[in-house]
Amino acid sequence: MLSSEISNSKTTDVGHETIATMATTTNFELLAARDDSWARDDDPSKCRFLVDGKSIKYVLVEYGVYPKYWVDKMHNDELAVDFPPFPVGAWNVGRISKDPQTGAPCFSRLETLALPEAGNAWHPTRIDYFDLATVERCPDASKRAEKLRRVAHPSFPGTMLMKIADFPSQLPWVEREIRAYRALEGTGLTPRFLGHVTESGRVVGFLLEWLEGADQARPATLEACHDALKRLHEHGIYHGSAHTENFLCCSIKAKDGKGEREGEGKVFLIDFEKAKFEVDDVDHKYKVRRQNRDYRSLKSSMSYLGFLEDQTDRCDDAGYESDTYSDWTPDDADDYIF
């Protein structure tokens, strides 16, 4: 459970007429955007902005202010989006609408809300988001999100992987990951968990050690990845998204009499957003299905990438029967304002 939900009490609730008289700034950067209009036409888009280099603002953009699918079009360089100047102040949630008279985008509402944080925060180290220096965005991270970044901090040698929730609606996934990393602490199955990332004092993410040179799962490491999944299951955790990119394979070179060969080394698991826990399944009725799904996901993703022949209907390793059962649960739903 989230340790706190968005409060109904507002310390600030400013309407359009008052906003028009406020000082503004144009020093802002769009960090993440999510367009939900594909699901329902009147859904607003969700945005996360860095303002004046020192504060995070969450902004809802009403449907129709910009062309449909504007988020995708903007990041594909198909559309230039001009956001209105940002009102200066301590607000953290805003809304952009069309000006009723001119039709131009404008801020129509500002609020200061008590936003939720991720629970299960078990590690003693907490580092503020603004104290982390970005080294690079992870290559596979979406242009529309900033949740994965390679970062540095004076308290740590080298660099780290930062993973945060771009929006409060993603906090249940972060919370699930934090729970998994705690359960797997000391097992060697995951990169070292280095601490929590906070934003305005609330936990919004975490830090992992950066594994230089790690690669995704490939045929040469399939057996080692399979063994890592088996060990994960022995700890009562089912990954839920065991595709190749969620295995970090740190290869070593060994002599076999015929020169050097690769493929032997350490395998680490990451990305537990969709993990399930055996302790939550009281009668264990989903155990085999969840184990089976993990093995199938690994092989299917390899075949999709062309590493293996099509494995979609095969699950002969470990003797698990084929099953397409899905146990998507309500806690995966996007029930929050952002």
C-alpha atoms as a PDB file:
ATOM      1  CA  MET A   1       0.000   0.000   0.000  1.00  0.00           C
ATOM      2  CA  LEU A   2       1.126   3.553  -0.662  1.00  0.00           C
ATOM      3  CA  SER A   3       2.134   5.154   2.602  1.00  0.00           C
ATOM      4  CA  SER A   4      -0.073   8.143   1.828  1.00  0.00           C
ATOM      5  CA  GLU A   5      -2.603   9.052  -0.843  1.00  0.00           C
ATOM      6  CA  ILE A   6      -3.294  12.397  -2.430  1.00  0.00           C
ATOM      7  CA  SER A   7      -4.943  14.569   0.178  1.00  0.00           C
ATOM      8  CA  ASN A   8      -8.253  16.284  -0.498  1.00  0.00           C
ATOM      9  CA  SER A   9      -7.094  19.273   1.553  1.00  0.00           C
ATOM     10  CA  LYS A  10      -5.489  21.995  -0.555  1.00  0.00           C
ATOM     11  CA  THR A  11      -3.174  24.616   0.887  1.00  0.00           C
ATOM     12  CA  THR A  12      -3.416  26.444  -2.437  1.00  0.00           C
ATOM     13  CA  ASP A  13      -6.225  26.402  -4.996  1.00  0.00           C
ATOM     14  CA  VAL A  14      -5.810  29.237  -7.459  1.00  0.00           C
ATOM     15  CA  GLY A  15      -8.205  29.906 -10.307  1.00  0.00           C
ATOM     16  CA  HIS A  16      -7.689  31.409 -13.759  1.00  0.00           C
ATOM     17  CA  GLU A  17      -8.386  35.038 -12.829  1.00  0.00           C
ATOM     18  CA  THR A  18      -5.813  35.059 -10.025  1.00  0.00           C
ATOM     19  CA  ILE A  19      -3.247  33.168 -12.111  1.00  0.00           C
ATOM     20  CA  ALA A  20      -3.405  35.881 -14.774  1.00  0.00           C
ATOM     21  CA  THR A  21      -1.949  38.375 -12.282  1.00  0.00           C
ATOM     22  CA  MET A  22       0.908  36.166 -11.032  1.00  0.00           C
ATOM     23  CA  ALA A  23       4.580  36.486 -11.938  1.00  0.00           C
ATOM     24  CA  THR A  24       5.735  33.851 -14.416  1.00  0.00           C
ATOM     25  CA  THR A  25       8.863  32.088 -15.597  1.00  0.00           C
ATOM     26  CA  THR A  26       9.832  30.525 -18.903  1.00  0.00           C
ATOM     27  CA  ASN A  27      12.666  28.552 -17.331  1.00  0.00           C
ATOM     28  CA  PHE A  28      11.108  25.101 -17.421  1.00  0.00           C
ATOM     29  CA  GLU A  29      11.858  21.710 -18.947  1.00  0.00           C
ATOM     30  CA  LEU A  30       9.453  18.900 -19.806  1.00  0.00           C
ATOM     31  CA  LEU A  31      10.864  15.787 -18.119  1.00  0.00           C
ATOM     32  CA  ALA A  32       8.091  13.309 -18.849  1.00  0.00           C
ATOM     33  CA  ALA A  33       4.724  13.244 -20.582  1.00  0.00           C
ATOM     34  CA  ARG A  34       1.977  10.698 -20.873  1.00  0.00           C
ATOM     35  CA  ASP A  35      -0.917  10.958 -23.317  1.00  0.00           C
ATOM     36  CA  ASP A  36      -3.890   8.785 -22.369  1.00  0.00           C
ATOM     37  CA  SER A  37      -6.223  10.002 -25.130  1.00  0.00           C
ATOM     38  CA  TRP A  38      -5.791   6.643 -26.904  1.00  0.00           C
ATOM     39  CA  ALA A  39      -7.818   5.113 -24.058  1.00  0.00           C
ATOM     40  CA  ARG A  40     -10.502   7.780 -23.805  1.00  0.00           C
ATOM     41  CA  ASP A  41     -10.739  10.925 -25.866  1.00  0.00           C
ATOM     42  CA  ASP A  42     -11.429  13.294 -22.986  1.00  0.00           C
ATOM     43  CA  ASP A  43      -8.572  12.115 -20.765  1.00  0.00           C
ATOM     44  CA  PRO A  44      -5.994  14.836 -20.041  1.00  0.00           C
ATOM     45  CA  SER A  45      -2.305  14.355 -20.725  1.00  0.00           C
ATOM     46  CA  LYS A  46       0.021  14.140 -17.738  1.00  0.00           C
ATOM     47  CA  CYS A  47       3.279  16.074 -17.621  1.00  0.00           C
ATOM     48  CA  ARG A  48       6.201  16.371 -15.240  1.00  0.00           C
ATOM     49  CA  PHE A  49       8.225  19.583 -15.441  1.00  0.00           C
ATOM     50  CA  LEU A  50      11.430  20.873 -13.906  1.00  0.00           C
ATOM     51  CA  VAL A  51      10.895  24.574 -13.160  1.00  0.00           C
ATOM     52  CA  ASP A  52      13.689  27.071 -12.504  1.00  0.00           C
ATOM     53  CA  GLY A  53      16.019  24.134 -11.952  1.00  0.00           C
ATOM     54  CA  LYS A  54      14.773  23.647  -8.402  1.00  0.00           C
ATOM     55  CA  SER A  55      11.219  22.324  -8.278  1.00  0.00           C
ATOM     56  CA  ILE A  56       9.070  19.610  -9.840  1.00  0.00           C
ATOM     57  CA  LYS A  57       5.596  20.508 -11.080  1.00  0.00           C
ATOM     58  CA  TYR A  58       2.937  18.057 -12.247  1.00  0.00           C
ATOM     59  CA  VAL A  59       0.632  19.431 -14.923  1.00  0.00           C
ATOM     60  CA  LEU A  60      -2.555  18.090 -16.477  1.00  0.00           C
ATOM     61  CA  VAL A  61      -3.093  19.256 -20.053  1.00  0.00           C
ATOM     62  CA  GLU A  62      -6.768  19.152 -20.943  1.00  0.00           C
ATOM     63  CA  TYR A  63      -7.777  17.213 -24.021  1.00  0.00           C
ATOM     64  CA  GLY A  64      -7.993  19.459 -27.080  1.00  0.00           C
ATOM     65  CA  VAL A  65      -5.469  22.069 -25.964  1.00  0.00           C
ATOM     66  CA  TYR A  66      -2.945  20.509 -28.352  1.00  0.00           C
ATOM     67  CA  PRO A  67      -3.549  18.176 -31.318  1.00  0.00           C
ATOM     68  CA  LYS A  68      -4.412  14.562 -30.578  1.00  0.00           C
ATOM     69  CA  TYR A  69      -1.384  12.371 -29.798  1.00  0.00           C
ATOM     70  CA  TRP A  70       0.667  15.527 -29.304  1.00  0.00           C
ATOM     71  CA  VAL A  71       3.068  13.765 -26.923  1.00  0.00           C
ATOM     72  CA  ASP A  72       4.163  11.224 -29.530  1.00  0.00           C
ATOM     73  CA  LYS A  73       4.226  13.798 -32.308  1.00  0.00           C
ATOM     74  CA  MET A  74       6.331  16.212 -30.267  1.00  0.00           C
ATOM     75  CA  HIS A  75       8.949  13.606 -29.434  1.00  0.00           C
ATOM     76  CA  ASN A  76       9.036  12.404 -33.025  1.00  0.00           C
ATOM     77  CA  ASP A  77       9.768  15.993 -34.084  1.00  0.00           C
ATOM     78  CA  GLU A  78       6.461  16.141 -35.945  1.00  0.00           C
ATOM     79  CA  LEU A  79       4.977  18.885 -33.793  1.00  0.00           C
ATOM     80  CA  ALA A  80       6.266  21.958 -31.969  1.00  0.00           C
ATOM     81  CA  VAL A  81       4.463  22.499 -28.670  1.00  0.00           C
ATOM     82  CA  ASP A  82       4.486  25.890 -26.959  1.00  0.00           C
ATOM     83  CA  PHE A  83       3.633  25.695 -23.274  1.00  0.00           C
ATOM     84  CA  PRO A  84       2.425  28.840 -21.518  1.00  0.00           C
ATOM     85  CA  PRO A  85       4.736  30.595 -19.024  1.00  0.00           C
ATOM     86  CA  PHE A  86       4.692  28.937 -15.607  1.00  0.00           C
ATOM     87  CA  PRO A  87       3.262  30.884 -12.656  1.00  0.00           C
ATOM     88  CA  VAL A  88       5.835  31.381  -9.910  1.00  0.00           C
ATOM     89  CA  GLY A  89       4.919  29.859  -6.564  1.00  0.00           C
ATOM     90  CA  ALA A  90       4.921  26.833  -4.279  1.00  0.00           C
ATOM     91  CA  TRP A  91       2.167  24.966  -6.125  1.00  0.00           C
ATOM     92  CA  ASN A  92       2.921  21.397  -7.281  1.00  0.00           C
ATOM     93  CA  VAL A  93      -0.106  20.445  -9.407  1.00  0.00           C
ATOM     94  CA  GLY A  94      -1.457  22.578 -12.230  1.00  0.00           C
ATOM     95  CA  ARG A  95      -3.860  22.410 -15.139  1.00  0.00           C
ATOM     96  CA  ILE A  96      -3.464  23.833 -18.640  1.00  0.00           C
ATOM     97  CA  SER A  97      -6.653  24.676 -20.536  1.00  0.00           C
ATOM     98  CA  LYS A  98      -7.642  26.793 -23.495  1.00  0.00           C
ATOM     99  CA  ASP A  99      -8.117  30.451 -22.681  1.00  0.00           C
ATOM    100  CA  PRO A 100     -11.902  30.960 -22.915  1.00  0.00           C
ATOM    101  CA  GLN A 101     -11.451  34.139 -24.943  1.00  0.00           C
ATOM    102  CA  THR A 102      -8.343  33.627 -27.070  1.00  0.00           C
ATOM    103  CA  GLY A 103      -8.194  29.823 -27.274  1.00  0.00           C
ATOM    104  CA  ALA A 104      -4.481  29.910 -26.400  1.00  0.00           C
ATOM    105  CA  PRO A 105      -3.054  27.446 -23.849  1.00  0.00           C
ATOM    106  CA  CYS A 106      -3.052  28.897 -20.334  1.00  0.00           C
ATOM    107  CA  PHE A 107      -2.874  27.766 -16.737  1.00  0.00           C
ATOM    108  CA  SER A 108      -6.411  27.539 -15.364  1.00  0.00           C
ATOM    109  CA  ARG A 109      -5.745  26.042 -11.940  1.00  0.00           C
ATOM    110  CA  LEU A 110      -2.906  25.667  -9.436  1.00  0.00           C
ATOM    111  CA  GLU A 111      -2.927  23.495  -6.344  1.00  0.00           C
ATOM    112  CA  THR A 112      -0.592  22.400  -3.594  1.00  0.00           C
ATOM    113  CA  LEU A 113      -1.425  18.801  -2.771  1.00  0.00           C
ATOM    114  CA  ALA A 114      -0.001  16.272  -0.357  1.00  0.00           C
ATOM    115  CA  LEU A 115       1.173  13.751  -2.941  1.00  0.00           C
ATOM    116  CA  PRO A 116       1.682  10.070  -2.040  1.00  0.00           C
ATOM    117  CA  GLU A 117       4.994   8.289  -1.652  1.00  0.00           C
ATOM    118  CA  ALA A 118       6.087   4.696  -2.108  1.00  0.00           C
ATOM    119  CA  GLY A 119       5.843   2.529   0.969  1.00  0.00           C
ATOM    120  CA  ASN A 120       8.154  -0.344   1.954  1.00  0.00           C
ATOM    121  CA  ALA A 121      11.038   2.129   2.248  1.00  0.00           C
ATOM    122  CA  TRP A 122      13.454  -0.069   4.177  1.00  0.00           C
ATOM    123  CA  HIS A 123      16.934   1.209   3.319  1.00  0.00           C
ATOM    124  CA  PRO A 124      18.482   3.804   5.677  1.00  0.00           C
ATOM    125  CA  THR A 125      19.949   5.875   2.821  1.00  0.00           C
ATOM    126  CA  ARG A 126      17.724   8.543   1.277  1.00  0.00           C
ATOM    127  CA  ILE A 127      18.989  10.983  -1.342  1.00  0.00           C
ATOM    128  CA  ASP A 128      17.093  13.951  -2.720  1.00  0.00           C
ATOM    129  CA  TYR A 129      16.422  13.951  -6.451  1.00  0.00           C
ATOM    130  CA  PHE A 130      18.136  17.327  -6.857  1.00  0.00           C
ATOM    131  CA  ASP A 131      21.322  16.077  -5.204  1.00  0.00           C
ATOM    132  CA  LEU A 132      21.868  13.523  -7.979  1.00  0.00           C
ATOM    133  CA  ALA A 133      23.870  14.534 -11.040  1.00  0.00           C
ATOM    134  CA  THR A 134      22.676  13.042 -14.321  1.00  0.00           C
ATOM    135  CA  VAL A 135      25.405  11.263 -16.279  1.00  0.00           C
ATOM    136  CA  GLU A 136      23.102  10.051 -19.048  1.00  0.00           C
ATOM    137  CA  ARG A 137      19.613   8.878 -19.757  1.00  0.00           C
ATOM    138  CA  CYS A 138      19.557   5.140 -20.191  1.00  0.00           C
ATOM    139  CA  PRO A 139      19.642   4.317 -23.934  1.00  0.00           C
ATOM    140  CA  ASP A 140      16.486   2.227 -23.858  1.00  0.00           C
ATOM    141  CA  ALA A 141      14.464   4.678 -21.802  1.00  0.00           C
ATOM    142  CA  SER A 142      11.520   6.319 -23.552  1.00  0.00           C
ATOM    143  CA  LYS A 143      11.934   9.893 -24.742  1.00  0.00           C
ATOM    144  CA  ARG A 144       8.676  10.614 -22.946  1.00  0.00           C
ATOM    145  CA  ALA A 145       9.977   9.521 -19.535  1.00  0.00           C
ATOM    146  CA  GLU A 146      12.924  10.176 -17.284  1.00  0.00           C
ATOM    147  CA  LYS A 147      12.414   7.333 -14.834  1.00  0.00           C
ATOM    148  CA  LEU A 148      15.693   5.609 -15.756  1.00  0.00           C
ATOM    149  CA  ARG A 149      18.910   7.585 -15.535  1.00  0.00           C
ATOM    150  CA  ARG A 150      22.549   6.947 -14.847  1.00  0.00           C
ATOM    151  CA  VAL A 151      23.479   9.282 -12.003  1.00  0.00           C
ATOM    152  CA  ALA A 152      26.318  10.203  -9.661  1.00  0.00           C
ATOM    153  CA  HIS A 153      26.493  11.432  -6.069  1.00  0.00           C
ATOM    154  CA  PRO A 154      29.472  12.500  -3.925  1.00  0.00           C
ATOM    155  CA  SER A 155      28.664   9.825  -1.323  1.00  0.00           C
ATOM    156  CA  PHE A 156      29.125   6.995  -3.818  1.00  0.00           C
ATOM    157  CA  PRO A 157      32.092   5.997  -5.963  1.00  0.00           C
ATOM    158  CA  GLY A 158      31.316   5.583  -9.632  1.00  0.00           C
ATOM    159  CA  THR A 159      27.796   5.867 -10.989  1.00  0.00           C
ATOM    160  CA  MET A 160      24.399   4.415 -10.144  1.00  0.00           C
ATOM    161  CA  LEU A 161      21.099   3.602 -11.829  1.00  0.00           C
ATOM    162  CA  MET A 162      18.271   5.835 -10.667  1.00  0.00           C
ATOM    163  CA  LYS A 163      14.714   4.618 -11.147  1.00  0.00           C
ATOM    164  CA  ILE A 164      11.814   6.843 -10.127  1.00  0.00           C
ATOM    165  CA  ALA A 165       8.091   7.139 -10.670  1.00  0.00           C
ATOM    166  CA  ASP A 166       7.492   9.866 -13.235  1.00  0.00           C
ATOM    167  CA  PHE A 167       3.974  10.255 -11.859  1.00  0.00           C
ATOM    168  CA  PRO A 168       2.256   9.260  -8.592  1.00  0.00           C
ATOM    169  CA  SER A 169       0.196   6.665 -10.470  1.00  0.00           C
ATOM    170  CA  GLN A 170       3.436   4.710 -11.022  1.00  0.00           C
ATOM    171  CA  LEU A 171       4.289   4.555  -7.317  1.00  0.00           C
ATOM    172  CA  PRO A 172       2.633   1.136  -6.771  1.00  0.00           C
ATOM    173  CA  TRP A 173       5.109  -0.316  -9.293  1.00  0.00           C
ATOM    174  CA  VAL A 174       8.055   1.352  -7.553  1.00  0.00           C
ATOM    175  CA  GLU A 175       6.762   0.095  -4.219  1.00  0.00           C
ATOM    176  CA  ARG A 176       6.575  -3.439  -5.576  1.00  0.00           C
ATOM    177  CA  GLU A 177      10.161  -3.197  -6.781  1.00  0.00           C
ATOM    178  CA  ILE A 178      11.371  -1.888  -3.432  1.00  0.00           C
ATOM    179  CA  ARG A 179       9.682  -4.850  -1.760  1.00  0.00           C
ATOM    180  CA  ALA A 180      11.359  -7.296  -4.143  1.00  0.00           C
ATOM    181  CA  TYR A 181      14.826  -5.809  -3.664  1.00  0.00           C
ATOM    182  CA  ARG A 182      14.415  -6.032   0.091  1.00  0.00           C
ATOM    183  CA  ALA A 183      13.393  -9.688  -0.116  1.00  0.00           C
ATOM    184  CA  LEU A 184      16.385 -10.436  -2.365  1.00  0.00           C
ATOM    185  CA  GLU A 185      18.949  -8.417  -0.403  1.00  0.00           C
ATOM    186  CA  GLY A 186      22.116 -10.468   0.001  1.00  0.00           C
ATOM    187  CA  THR A 187      21.095 -13.230  -2.422  1.00  0.00           C
ATOM    188  CA  GLY A 188      23.309 -12.011  -5.279  1.00  0.00           C
ATOM    189  CA  LEU A 189      20.351 -12.146  -7.661  1.00  0.00           C
ATOM    190  CA  THR A 190      20.087  -8.380  -8.104  1.00  0.00           C
ATOM    191  CA  PRO A 191      22.426  -5.391  -8.312  1.00  0.00           C
ATOM    192  CA  ARG A 192      23.073  -3.855  -4.902  1.00  0.00           C
ATOM    193  CA  PHE A 193      20.261  -1.657  -3.632  1.00  0.00           C
ATOM    194  CA  LEU A 194      21.912   1.604  -2.563  1.00  0.00           C
ATOM    195  CA  GLY A 195      19.060   3.692  -1.216  1.00  0.00           C
ATOM    196  CA  HIS A 196      15.855   5.592  -1.886  1.00  0.00           C
ATOM    197  CA  VAL A 197      15.320   8.690  -4.023  1.00  0.00           C
ATOM    198  CA  THR A 198      13.126  11.375  -2.500  1.00  0.00           C
ATOM    199  CA  GLU A 199      11.282  14.358  -3.929  1.00  0.00           C
ATOM    200  CA  SER A 200      10.121  16.997  -1.457  1.00  0.00           C
ATOM    201  CA  GLY A 201      10.755  14.458   1.275  1.00  0.00           C
ATOM    202  CA  ARG A 202       8.613  11.668  -0.161  1.00  0.00           C
ATOM    203  CA  VAL A 203      10.067   8.420  -1.521  1.00  0.00           C
ATOM    204  CA  VAL A 204       9.605   8.258  -5.302  1.00  0.00           C
ATOM    205  CA  GLY A 205      12.305   5.817  -6.409  1.00  0.00           C
ATOM    206  CA  PHE A 206      15.549   4.048  -5.656  1.00  0.00           C
ATOM    207  CA  LEU A 207      19.203   3.657  -6.589  1.00  0.00           C
ATOM    208  CA  LEU A 208      20.988   0.521  -7.794  1.00  0.00           C
ATOM    209  CA  GLU A 209      24.651  -0.104  -8.442  1.00  0.00           C
ATOM    210  CA  TRP A 210      25.647   0.469 -12.065  1.00  0.00           C
ATOM    211  CA  LEU A 211      27.000  -2.702 -13.677  1.00  0.00           C
ATOM    212  CA  GLU A 212      29.460  -1.543 -16.303  1.00  0.00           C
ATOM    213  CA  GLY A 213      29.542  -3.719 -19.415  1.00  0.00           C
ATOM    214  CA  ALA A 214      26.478  -5.778 -18.525  1.00  0.00           C
ATOM    215  CA  ASP A 215      24.502  -7.117 -21.491  1.00  0.00           C
ATOM    216  CA  GLN A 216      20.985  -8.479 -21.915  1.00  0.00           C
ATOM    217  CA  ALA A 217      20.244 -12.190 -22.041  1.00  0.00           C
ATOM    218  CA  ARG A 218      21.439 -14.045 -25.136  1.00  0.00           C
ATOM    219  CA  PRO A 219      21.588 -17.716 -26.149  1.00  0.00           C
ATOM    220  CA  ALA A 220      25.056 -18.062 -24.596  1.00  0.00           C
ATOM    221  CA  THR A 221      23.647 -17.008 -21.225  1.00  0.00           C
ATOM    222  CA  LEU A 222      20.224 -18.683 -21.504  1.00  0.00           C
ATOM    223  CA  GLU A 223      21.075 -21.458 -19.063  1.00  0.00           C
ATOM    224  CA  ALA A 224      22.448 -19.005 -16.506  1.00  0.00           C
ATOM    225  CA  CYS A 225      19.338 -16.816 -16.894  1.00  0.00           C
ATOM    226  CA  HIS A 226      17.148 -19.869 -16.470  1.00  0.00           C
ATOM    227  CA  ASP A 227      19.000 -20.727 -13.263  1.00  0.00           C
ATOM    228  CA  ALA A 228      18.551 -17.154 -12.007  1.00  0.00           C
ATOM    229  CA  LEU A 229      14.791 -17.444 -12.520  1.00  0.00           C
ATOM    230  CA  LYS A 230      14.761 -20.760 -10.709  1.00  0.00           C
ATOM    231  CA  ARG A 231      16.542 -19.185  -7.736  1.00  0.00           C
ATOM    232  CA  LEU A 232      14.131 -16.250  -7.824  1.00  0.00           C
ATOM    233  CA  HIS A 233      11.207 -18.658  -7.615  1.00  0.00           C
ATOM    234  CA  GLU A 234      12.854 -20.459  -4.713  1.00  0.00           C
ATOM    235  CA  HIS A 235      12.715 -17.150  -2.859  1.00  0.00           C
ATOM    236  CA  GLY A 236       8.974 -16.984  -3.482  1.00  0.00           C
ATOM    237  CA  ILE A 237       9.051 -14.238  -6.120  1.00  0.00           C
ATOM    238  CA  TYR A 238       7.771 -14.435  -9.706  1.00  0.00           C
ATOM    239  CA  HIS A 239       9.186 -11.816 -12.017  1.00  0.00           C
ATOM    240  CA  GLY A 240       6.196 -11.148 -14.266  1.00  0.00           C
ATOM    241  CA  SER A 241       8.250  -9.522 -17.046  1.00  0.00           C
ATOM    242  CA  ALA A 242      11.207 -11.837 -17.601  1.00  0.00           C
ATOM    243  CA  HIS A 243      12.238 -10.618 -21.042  1.00  0.00           C
ATOM    244  CA  THR A 244      15.859 -10.407 -22.149  1.00  0.00           C
ATOM    245  CA  GLU A 245      16.472  -6.781 -21.124  1.00  0.00           C
ATOM    246  CA  ASN A 246      15.610  -7.547 -17.513  1.00  0.00           C
ATOM    247  CA  PHE A 247      18.604  -9.861 -17.200  1.00  0.00           C
ATOM    248  CA  LEU A 248      21.973  -8.173 -16.758  1.00  0.00           C
ATOM    249  CA  CYS A 249      24.661 -10.619 -17.817  1.00  0.00           C
ATOM    250  CA  CYS A 250      28.199  -9.799 -16.751  1.00  0.00           C
ATOM    251  CA  SER A 251      30.242 -12.148 -18.933  1.00  0.00           C
ATOM    252  CA  ILE A 252      33.683 -13.467 -18.143  1.00  0.00           C
ATOM    253  CA  LYS A 253      36.151 -15.157 -20.435  1.00  0.00           C
ATOM    254  CA  ALA A 254      37.349 -18.652 -19.596  1.00  0.00           C
ATOM    255  CA  LYS A 255      39.830 -21.077 -21.132  1.00  0.00           C
ATOM    256  CA  ASP A 256      38.394 -24.327 -22.480  1.00  0.00           C
ATOM    257  CA  GLY A 257      41.394 -25.685 -24.393  1.00  0.00           C
ATOM    258  CA  LYS A 258      40.130 -24.168 -27.622  1.00  0.00           C
ATOM    259  CA  GLY A 259      40.801 -20.575 -26.787  1.00  0.00           C
ATOM    260  CA  GLU A 260      38.548 -18.246 -24.846  1.00  0.00           C
ATOM    261  CA  ARG A 261      34.791 -18.577 -24.683  1.00  0.00           C
ATOM    262  CA  GLU A 262      32.163 -16.157 -23.432  1.00  0.00           C
ATOM    263  CA  GLY A 263      28.832 -16.760 -21.763  1.00  0.00           C
ATOM    264  CA  GLU A 264      29.844 -17.761 -18.277  1.00  0.00           C
ATOM    265  CA  GLY A 265      29.487 -15.183 -15.561  1.00  0.00           C
ATOM    266  CA  LYS A 266      27.070 -13.508 -13.189  1.00  0.00           C
ATOM    267  CA  VAL A 267      23.425 -12.886 -14.046  1.00  0.00           C
ATOM    268  CA  PHE A 268      21.420 -10.212 -12.242  1.00  0.00           C
ATOM    269  CA  LEU A 269      17.674  -9.620 -12.402  1.00  0.00           C
ATOM    270  CA  ILE A 270      16.112  -6.148 -12.528  1.00  0.00           C
ATOM    271  CA  ASP A 271      12.713  -4.490 -13.112  1.00  0.00           C
ATOM    272  CA  PHE A 272      10.265  -6.026 -10.651  1.00  0.00           C
ATOM    273  CA  GLU A 273       7.364  -3.704 -11.516  1.00  0.00           C
ATOM    274  CA  LYS A 274       5.105  -6.675 -12.270  1.00  0.00           C
ATOM    275  CA  ALA A 275       6.508  -9.081  -9.689  1.00  0.00           C
ATOM    276  CA  LYS A 276       4.222 -11.329  -7.678  1.00  0.00           C
ATOM    277  CA  PHE A 277       4.984 -12.732  -4.248  1.00  0.00           C
ATOM    278  CA  GLU A 278       4.216 -16.271  -3.157  1.00  0.00           C
ATOM    279  CA  VAL A 279       3.360 -15.091   0.348  1.00  0.00           C
ATOM    280  CA  ASP A 280       0.409 -13.135  -1.113  1.00  0.00           C
ATOM    281  CA  ASP A 281      -0.956 -16.264  -2.825  1.00  0.00           C
ATOM    282  CA  VAL A 282      -2.295 -17.998   0.282  1.00  0.00           C
ATOM    283  CA  ASP A 283      -3.373 -21.253  -1.361  1.00  0.00           C
ATOM    284  CA  HIS A 284      -0.478 -21.235  -3.897  1.00  0.00           C
ATOM    285  CA  LYS A 285      -2.887 -21.837  -6.772  1.00  0.00           C
ATOM    286  CA  TYR A 286      -0.932 -19.529  -9.103  1.00  0.00           C
ATOM    287  CA  LYS A 287       2.548 -20.850  -8.328  1.00  0.00           C
ATOM    288  CA  VAL A 288       3.070 -23.088 -11.365  1.00  0.00           C
ATOM    289  CA  ARG A 289       1.390 -20.633 -13.707  1.00  0.00           C
ATOM    290  CA  ARG A 290       3.626 -17.780 -12.626  1.00  0.00           C
ATOM    291  CA  GLN A 291       6.781 -19.879 -12.796  1.00  0.00           C
ATOM    292  CA  ASN A 292       5.791 -21.081 -16.233  1.00  0.00           C
ATOM    293  CA  ARG A 293       5.091 -17.563 -17.441  1.00  0.00           C
ATOM    294  CA  ASP A 294       8.569 -16.389 -16.440  1.00  0.00           C
ATOM    295  CA  TYR A 295      10.311 -19.185 -18.365  1.00  0.00           C
ATOM    296  CA  ARG A 296       8.090 -18.633 -21.392  1.00  0.00           C
ATOM    297  CA  SER A 297       8.690 -14.896 -21.340  1.00  0.00           C
ATOM    298  CA  LEU A 298      12.466 -15.346 -21.415  1.00  0.00           C
ATOM    299  CA  LYS A 299      12.409 -17.751 -24.351  1.00  0.00           C
ATOM    300  CA  SER A 300       9.723 -15.867 -26.261  1.00  0.00           C
ATOM    301  CA  SER A 301      11.626 -12.587 -26.014  1.00  0.00           C
ATOM    302  CA  MET A 302      14.755 -14.312 -27.313  1.00  0.00           C
ATOM    303  CA  SER A 303      12.855 -15.715 -30.261  1.00  0.00           C
ATOM    304  CA  TYR A 304      11.277 -12.313 -30.935  1.00  0.00           C
ATOM    305  CA  LEU A 305      14.759 -10.797 -31.162  1.00  0.00           C
ATOM    306  CA  GLY A 306      15.847 -13.567 -33.504  1.00  0.00           C
ATOM    307  CA  PHE A 307      18.181 -15.219 -31.001  1.00  0.00           C
ATOM    308  CA  LEU A 308      16.204 -18.484 -30.978  1.00  0.00           C
ATOM    309  CA  GLU A 309      13.660 -20.228 -33.146  1.00  0.00           C
ATOM    310  CA  ASP A 310      10.067 -19.483 -32.189  1.00  0.00           C
ATOM    311  CA  GLN A 311       9.565 -20.629 -28.603  1.00  0.00           C
ATOM    312  CA  THR A 312       6.067 -19.296 -28.092  1.00  0.00           C
ATOM    313  CA  ASP A 313       4.440 -22.674 -27.548  1.00  0.00           C
ATOM    314  CA  ARG A 314       7.347 -24.392 -25.829  1.00  0.00           C
ATOM    315  CA  CYS A 315       8.094 -24.643 -22.175  1.00  0.00           C
ATOM    316  CA  ASP A 316       9.949 -27.905 -21.819  1.00  0.00           C
ATOM    317  CA  ASP A 317      12.592 -26.701 -19.348  1.00  0.00           C
ATOM    318  CA  ALA A 318      11.827 -27.693 -15.738  1.00  0.00           C
ATOM    319  CA  GLY A 319       8.717 -29.555 -16.850  1.00  0.00           C
ATOM    320  CA  TYR A 320       6.224 -26.709 -16.544  1.00  0.00           C
ATOM    321  CA  GLU A 321       3.041 -27.019 -18.535  1.00  0.00           C
ATOM    322  CA  SER A 322       2.005 -24.385 -21.037  1.00  0.00           C
ATOM    323  CA  ASP A 323      -0.549 -21.946 -19.661  1.00  0.00           C
ATOM    324  CA  THR A 324      -1.630 -18.523 -20.885  1.00  0.00           C
ATOM    325  CA  TYR A 325      -3.433 -17.600 -17.672  1.00  0.00           C
ATOM    326  CA  SER A 326      -3.230 -13.938 -16.715  1.00  0.00           C
ATOM    327  CA  ASP A 327      -3.608 -12.817 -13.100  1.00  0.00           C
ATOM    328  CA  TRP A 328      -3.554  -9.039 -13.572  1.00  0.00           C
ATOM    329  CA  THR A 329      -4.756  -7.568 -10.298  1.00  0.00           C
ATOM    330  CA  PRO A 330      -6.420  -4.309  -9.212  1.00  0.00           C
ATOM    331  CA  ASP A 331      -3.213  -2.961  -7.668  1.00  0.00           C
ATOM    332  CA  ASP A 332      -1.856  -2.620 -11.206  1.00  0.00           C
ATOM    333  CA  ALA A 333      -4.537  -0.073 -12.059  1.00  0.00           C
ATOM    334  CA  ASP A 334      -3.860   3.597 -12.617  1.00  0.00           C
ATOM    335  CA  ASP A 335      -6.091   4.898  -9.831  1.00  0.00           C
ATOM    336  CA  TYR A 336      -4.321   8.132  -8.992  1.00  0.00           C
ATOM    337  CA  ILE A 337      -4.560  11.679 -10.310  1.00  0.00           C
ATOM    338  CA  PHE A 338      -1.278  11.263 -12.196  1.00  0.00           C
END
